[in-house]
Amino acid sequence: MIAPGSNVRVYLACGVTDMRKGISGLSVLAQEVLRQKPASGAVFAFRGRRGDRIKLLYWDGQGFCLYYKVLERSRFPWPSVADGSARLTAAQLAMLWEGIDWRRPTWTAPPARAG
């Protein structure tokens, strides 16, 4: 994936999104549901009903980029509908894109003890 940068703002549309929507439809959701300007340079993430599909909408300064990924064996971790929307960091977005649960990442080694 072409990364938008480490300082990018990331917004998740909690709940289910119709994956038939393209750039225009997702832009409307970013504006009306997430209350953000679609061309602000932020990344907007949407997940389908089955949970195995995700779309990311991003304005790169010249036009919209639409990234689409389908997982073959698992589901993308997603907040409940009651949350409305969620903000992620660029690192959490990278985990989400790989299918890792960004809410509870597991660390490979415990932190070193001082002393």
N, C-alpha and C. Protein backbone atom coordinates (compact mmCIF):
# COMPACT_ATOMS: atom_id res chain seq x y z
N MET A 1 0.85 -1.19 0.00
CA MET A 1 0.00 0.00 0.00
C MET A 1 0.88 1.23 0.00
N ILE A 2 0.52 2.24 -0.73
CA ILE A 2 1.22 3.51 -0.71
C ILE A 2 0.76 4.24 0.54
N ALA A 3 1.67 4.47 1.46
CA ALA A 3 1.31 5.03 2.76
C ALA A 3 1.09 6.53 2.69
N PRO A 4 0.06 7.04 3.37
CA PRO A 4 -0.22 8.47 3.37
C PRO A 4 0.69 9.26 4.31
N GLY A 5 1.48 8.63 5.14
CA GLY A 5 2.39 9.33 6.05
C GLY A 5 2.10 9.02 7.50
N SER A 6 3.07 9.27 8.34
CA SER A 6 2.94 8.90 9.75
C SER A 6 2.10 9.88 10.56
N ASN A 7 1.84 11.06 10.06
CA ASN A 7 1.05 12.06 10.80
C ASN A 7 -0.39 12.12 10.34
N VAL A 8 -0.80 11.19 9.52
CA VAL A 8 -2.14 11.23 8.95
C VAL A 8 -3.21 10.97 10.03
N ARG A 9 -4.34 11.63 9.88
CA ARG A 9 -5.50 11.36 10.74
C ARG A 9 -6.29 10.22 10.11
N VAL A 10 -6.75 9.30 10.94
CA VAL A 10 -7.48 8.13 10.44
C VAL A 10 -8.82 8.06 11.17
N TYR A 11 -9.90 7.95 10.40
CA TYR A 11 -11.24 7.85 10.97
C TYR A 11 -11.89 6.54 10.51
N LEU A 12 -12.42 5.80 11.46
CA LEU A 12 -13.15 4.57 11.15
C LEU A 12 -14.64 4.84 11.25
N ALA A 13 -15.39 4.39 10.25
CA ALA A 13 -16.84 4.43 10.31
C ALA A 13 -17.29 3.14 10.99
N CYS A 14 -17.66 3.23 12.25
CA CYS A 14 -18.07 2.03 12.99
C CYS A 14 -19.34 1.46 12.38
N GLY A 15 -19.53 0.18 12.55
CA GLY A 15 -20.69 -0.46 11.97
C GLY A 15 -20.39 -0.96 10.58
N VAL A 16 -21.45 -1.12 9.79
CA VAL A 16 -21.36 -1.76 8.48
C VAL A 16 -21.52 -0.71 7.37
N THR A 17 -20.73 -0.86 6.33
CA THR A 17 -20.84 0.00 5.15
C THR A 17 -21.10 -0.88 3.93
N ASP A 18 -21.94 -0.40 3.05
CA ASP A 18 -22.22 -1.09 1.79
C ASP A 18 -20.96 -1.03 0.93
N MET A 19 -20.32 -2.18 0.69
CA MET A 19 -19.07 -2.22 -0.05
C MET A 19 -19.24 -1.99 -1.55
N ARG A 20 -20.47 -1.80 -2.00
CA ARG A 20 -20.68 -1.43 -3.40
C ARG A 20 -20.40 0.04 -3.63
N LYS A 21 -20.31 0.82 -2.56
CA LYS A 21 -20.05 2.25 -2.69
C LYS A 21 -18.63 2.49 -3.22
N GLY A 22 -18.54 3.48 -4.07
CA GLY A 22 -17.25 3.88 -4.62
C GLY A 22 -16.78 5.17 -3.96
N ILE A 23 -15.93 5.88 -4.65
CA ILE A 23 -15.34 7.11 -4.10
C ILE A 23 -16.41 8.13 -3.75
N SER A 24 -17.36 8.36 -4.64
CA SER A 24 -18.41 9.37 -4.38
C SER A 24 -19.25 9.01 -3.17
N GLY A 25 -19.71 7.77 -3.09
CA GLY A 25 -20.54 7.34 -1.97
C GLY A 25 -19.81 7.37 -0.64
N LEU A 26 -18.54 6.94 -0.65
CA LEU A 26 -17.76 6.96 0.59
C LEU A 26 -17.41 8.39 1.01
N SER A 27 -17.23 9.27 0.04
CA SER A 27 -16.99 10.69 0.36
C SER A 27 -18.19 11.29 1.08
N VAL A 28 -19.38 10.93 0.63
CA VAL A 28 -20.59 11.41 1.29
C VAL A 28 -20.65 10.89 2.72
N LEU A 29 -20.31 9.61 2.94
CA LEU A 29 -20.30 9.06 4.29
C LEU A 29 -19.27 9.75 5.18
N ALA A 30 -18.10 10.04 4.62
CA ALA A 30 -17.07 10.74 5.38
C ALA A 30 -17.58 12.10 5.84
N GLN A 31 -18.30 12.77 4.97
CA GLN A 31 -18.82 14.10 5.29
C GLN A 31 -20.02 14.05 6.21
N GLU A 32 -20.99 13.20 5.93
CA GLU A 32 -22.24 13.21 6.67
C GLU A 32 -22.21 12.37 7.95
N VAL A 33 -21.55 11.22 7.91
CA VAL A 33 -21.52 10.34 9.07
C VAL A 33 -20.34 10.66 9.99
N LEU A 34 -19.16 10.81 9.39
CA LEU A 34 -17.96 11.08 10.20
C LEU A 34 -17.74 12.57 10.46
N ARG A 35 -18.50 13.40 9.76
CA ARG A 35 -18.44 14.85 9.93
C ARG A 35 -17.04 15.42 9.66
N GLN A 36 -16.43 14.92 8.59
CA GLN A 36 -15.09 15.36 8.19
C GLN A 36 -15.11 15.73 6.71
N LYS A 37 -14.19 16.59 6.30
CA LYS A 37 -14.06 16.94 4.90
C LYS A 37 -13.32 15.82 4.18
N PRO A 38 -13.93 15.22 3.17
CA PRO A 38 -13.29 14.10 2.48
C PRO A 38 -11.93 14.43 1.88
N ALA A 39 -11.74 15.66 1.43
CA ALA A 39 -10.48 16.06 0.80
C ALA A 39 -9.53 16.73 1.79
N SER A 40 -9.63 16.38 3.06
CA SER A 40 -8.79 16.99 4.10
C SER A 40 -7.41 16.35 4.21
N GLY A 41 -7.20 15.22 3.55
CA GLY A 41 -5.93 14.51 3.67
C GLY A 41 -5.98 13.40 4.71
N ALA A 42 -7.13 13.23 5.36
CA ALA A 42 -7.30 12.14 6.32
C ALA A 42 -7.63 10.84 5.58
N VAL A 43 -7.45 9.73 6.27
CA VAL A 43 -7.83 8.42 5.74
C VAL A 43 -9.14 8.02 6.39
N PHE A 44 -10.08 7.56 5.59
CA PHE A 44 -11.38 7.12 6.08
C PHE A 44 -11.51 5.63 5.82
N ALA A 45 -11.82 4.86 6.86
CA ALA A 45 -11.88 3.40 6.75
C ALA A 45 -13.32 2.92 6.91
N PHE A 46 -13.71 1.98 6.05
CA PHE A 46 -15.06 1.42 6.04
C PHE A 46 -14.96 -0.09 5.93
N ARG A 47 -15.83 -0.81 6.65
CA ARG A 47 -15.82 -2.27 6.62
C ARG A 47 -17.17 -2.80 6.18
N GLY A 48 -17.17 -3.89 5.44
CA GLY A 48 -18.39 -4.52 4.96
C GLY A 48 -19.07 -5.38 6.02
N ARG A 49 -20.24 -5.88 5.68
CA ARG A 49 -21.08 -6.66 6.60
C ARG A 49 -20.39 -7.93 7.09
N ARG A 50 -19.76 -8.68 6.20
CA ARG A 50 -19.12 -9.94 6.60
C ARG A 50 -17.84 -9.72 7.40
N GLY A 51 -17.28 -8.53 7.32
CA GLY A 51 -16.09 -8.22 8.10
C GLY A 51 -14.78 -8.60 7.43
N ASP A 52 -14.86 -9.20 6.25
CA ASP A 52 -13.63 -9.62 5.58
C ASP A 52 -13.17 -8.62 4.53
N ARG A 53 -13.89 -7.51 4.39
CA ARG A 53 -13.57 -6.49 3.37
C ARG A 53 -13.44 -5.12 4.01
N ILE A 54 -12.47 -4.38 3.52
CA ILE A 54 -12.25 -3.04 4.02
C ILE A 54 -11.91 -2.12 2.85
N LYS A 55 -12.39 -0.88 2.94
CA LYS A 55 -12.04 0.14 1.97
C LYS A 55 -11.48 1.34 2.71
N LEU A 56 -10.40 1.89 2.17
CA LEU A 56 -9.80 3.11 2.71
C LEU A 56 -9.91 4.19 1.65
N LEU A 57 -10.39 5.35 2.03
CA LEU A 57 -10.51 6.49 1.13
C LEU A 57 -9.53 7.55 1.59
N TYR A 58 -8.75 8.08 0.65
CA TYR A 58 -7.69 9.03 0.99
C TYR A 58 -7.50 10.04 -0.14
N TRP A 59 -7.43 11.31 0.21
CA TRP A 59 -7.15 12.38 -0.74
C TRP A 59 -5.66 12.66 -0.70
N ASP A 60 -4.96 12.50 -1.82
CA ASP A 60 -3.50 12.67 -1.82
C ASP A 60 -3.04 14.04 -2.28
N GLY A 61 -3.97 14.96 -2.47
CA GLY A 61 -3.63 16.31 -2.92
C GLY A 61 -3.97 16.53 -4.38
N GLN A 62 -4.07 15.45 -5.15
CA GLN A 62 -4.41 15.55 -6.56
C GLN A 62 -5.72 14.86 -6.90
N GLY A 63 -6.09 13.92 -6.07
CA GLY A 63 -7.31 13.16 -6.31
C GLY A 63 -7.50 12.14 -5.21
N PHE A 64 -8.61 11.42 -5.28
CA PHE A 64 -8.91 10.41 -4.27
C PHE A 64 -8.25 9.08 -4.63
N CYS A 65 -7.75 8.40 -3.61
CA CYS A 65 -7.24 7.04 -3.73
C CYS A 65 -8.22 6.15 -2.97
N LEU A 66 -8.55 5.03 -3.55
CA LEU A 66 -9.44 4.07 -2.91
C LEU A 66 -8.71 2.73 -2.82
N TYR A 67 -8.43 2.32 -1.60
CA TYR A 67 -7.76 1.04 -1.35
C TYR A 67 -8.82 0.04 -0.91
N TYR A 68 -8.71 -1.18 -1.40
CA TYR A 68 -9.69 -2.22 -1.12
C TYR A 68 -8.95 -3.51 -0.81
N LYS A 69 -9.29 -4.14 0.30
CA LYS A 69 -8.64 -5.39 0.66
C LYS A 69 -9.69 -6.38 1.15
N VAL A 70 -9.50 -7.64 0.73
CA VAL A 70 -10.36 -8.74 1.16
C VAL A 70 -9.47 -9.78 1.83
N LEU A 71 -9.78 -10.11 3.09
CA LEU A 71 -9.04 -11.15 3.79
C LEU A 71 -9.61 -12.51 3.41
N GLU A 72 -8.77 -13.48 3.19
CA GLU A 72 -9.23 -14.80 2.79
C GLU A 72 -9.70 -15.66 3.96
N ARG A 73 -9.10 -15.50 5.14
CA ARG A 73 -9.39 -16.42 6.23
C ARG A 73 -9.86 -15.78 7.52
N SER A 74 -9.88 -14.50 7.62
CA SER A 74 -10.28 -13.90 8.89
C SER A 74 -11.11 -12.64 8.64
N ARG A 75 -11.32 -11.89 9.71
CA ARG A 75 -12.13 -10.67 9.64
C ARG A 75 -11.32 -9.51 10.19
N PHE A 76 -11.62 -8.33 9.70
CA PHE A 76 -10.98 -7.13 10.22
C PHE A 76 -11.58 -6.79 11.58
N PRO A 77 -10.75 -6.50 12.58
CA PRO A 77 -11.29 -6.08 13.89
C PRO A 77 -11.96 -4.72 13.74
N TRP A 78 -13.11 -4.56 14.41
CA TRP A 78 -13.88 -3.34 14.20
C TRP A 78 -14.64 -2.97 15.46
N PRO A 79 -14.75 -1.69 15.78
CA PRO A 79 -15.54 -1.27 16.95
C PRO A 79 -17.03 -1.49 16.72
N SER A 80 -17.80 -1.48 17.81
CA SER A 80 -19.24 -1.69 17.70
C SER A 80 -19.92 -0.47 17.07
N VAL A 81 -21.13 -0.69 16.61
CA VAL A 81 -21.91 0.37 15.97
C VAL A 81 -22.15 1.53 16.93
N ALA A 82 -22.30 1.23 18.21
CA ALA A 82 -22.59 2.26 19.20
C ALA A 82 -21.48 3.30 19.30
N ASP A 83 -20.27 2.94 18.89
CA ASP A 83 -19.15 3.87 18.98
C ASP A 83 -19.23 4.99 17.94
N GLY A 84 -19.98 4.81 16.88
CA GLY A 84 -20.16 5.85 15.87
C GLY A 84 -18.96 5.98 14.96
N SER A 85 -17.87 6.52 15.48
CA SER A 85 -16.63 6.62 14.73
C SER A 85 -15.48 6.50 15.70
N ALA A 86 -14.32 6.20 15.16
CA ALA A 86 -13.13 6.04 16.00
C ALA A 86 -11.95 6.69 15.30
N ARG A 87 -11.00 7.20 16.08
CA ARG A 87 -9.76 7.75 15.53
C ARG A 87 -8.64 6.77 15.75
N LEU A 88 -7.80 6.58 14.75
CA LEU A 88 -6.66 5.70 14.84
C LEU A 88 -5.39 6.46 14.53
N THR A 89 -4.27 5.92 14.96
CA THR A 89 -2.97 6.46 14.57
C THR A 89 -2.55 5.77 13.27
N ALA A 90 -1.49 6.28 12.66
CA ALA A 90 -0.98 5.64 11.45
C ALA A 90 -0.51 4.22 11.74
N ALA A 91 0.07 3.99 12.92
CA ALA A 91 0.53 2.66 13.30
C ALA A 91 -0.66 1.71 13.46
N GLN A 92 -1.74 2.18 14.06
CA GLN A 92 -2.94 1.35 14.20
C GLN A 92 -3.55 1.05 12.84
N LEU A 93 -3.51 2.01 11.93
CA LEU A 93 -4.01 1.78 10.57
C LEU A 93 -3.20 0.69 9.89
N ALA A 94 -1.89 0.71 10.06
CA ALA A 94 -1.04 -0.32 9.46
C ALA A 94 -1.40 -1.70 10.01
N MET A 95 -1.65 -1.79 11.33
CA MET A 95 -2.06 -3.06 11.92
C MET A 95 -3.41 -3.51 11.37
N LEU A 96 -4.35 -2.57 11.29
CA LEU A 96 -5.68 -2.89 10.76
C LEU A 96 -5.57 -3.44 9.34
N TRP A 97 -4.79 -2.79 8.49
CA TRP A 97 -4.62 -3.20 7.10
C TRP A 97 -4.09 -4.63 7.00
N GLU A 98 -3.27 -5.03 7.96
CA GLU A 98 -2.70 -6.38 7.98
C GLU A 98 -3.62 -7.39 8.66
N GLY A 99 -4.76 -6.94 9.18
CA GLY A 99 -5.70 -7.83 9.84
C GLY A 99 -5.40 -8.06 11.30
N ILE A 100 -4.48 -7.28 11.87
CA ILE A 100 -4.11 -7.39 13.28
C ILE A 100 -5.09 -6.57 14.11
N ASP A 101 -5.49 -7.08 15.25
CA ASP A 101 -6.40 -6.33 16.12
C ASP A 101 -5.65 -5.16 16.73
N TRP A 102 -5.87 -3.98 16.20
CA TRP A 102 -5.18 -2.77 16.63
C TRP A 102 -5.60 -2.35 18.04
N ARG A 103 -6.69 -2.89 18.56
CA ARG A 103 -7.15 -2.53 19.90
C ARG A 103 -6.38 -3.28 20.98
N ARG A 104 -5.86 -4.47 20.64
CA ARG A 104 -5.12 -5.29 21.62
C ARG A 104 -3.90 -5.92 20.96
N PRO A 105 -2.94 -5.13 20.54
CA PRO A 105 -1.77 -5.73 19.91
C PRO A 105 -0.97 -6.53 20.94
N THR A 106 -0.38 -7.61 20.50
CA THR A 106 0.47 -8.39 21.39
C THR A 106 1.92 -8.06 21.08
N TRP A 107 2.70 -7.93 22.10
CA TRP A 107 4.11 -7.56 21.93
C TRP A 107 4.95 -8.81 21.91
N THR A 108 6.02 -8.80 21.15
CA THR A 108 6.85 -9.98 21.00
C THR A 108 7.77 -10.19 22.20
N ALA A 109 8.11 -9.15 22.91
CA ALA A 109 8.99 -9.28 24.07
C ALA A 109 8.57 -8.26 25.12
N PRO A 110 8.70 -8.63 26.41
CA PRO A 110 8.37 -7.67 27.46
C PRO A 110 9.40 -6.54 27.47
N PRO A 111 9.01 -5.36 27.98
CA PRO A 111 9.97 -4.25 28.05
C PRO A 111 11.13 -4.59 28.98
N ALA A 112 12.30 -4.07 28.65
CA ALA A 112 13.49 -4.32 29.48
C ALA A 112 13.37 -3.61 30.81
N ARG A 113 13.81 -4.27 31.86
CA ARG A 113 13.76 -3.67 33.20
C ARG A 113 14.96 -2.77 33.43
N ALA A 114 14.70 -1.66 34.03
CA ALA A 114 15.79 -0.74 34.39
C ALA A 114 16.41 -1.21 35.69
N GLY A 115 17.69 -1.10 35.80
CA GLY A 115 18.25 -1.43 37.11
C GLY A 115 19.44 -2.17 37.05
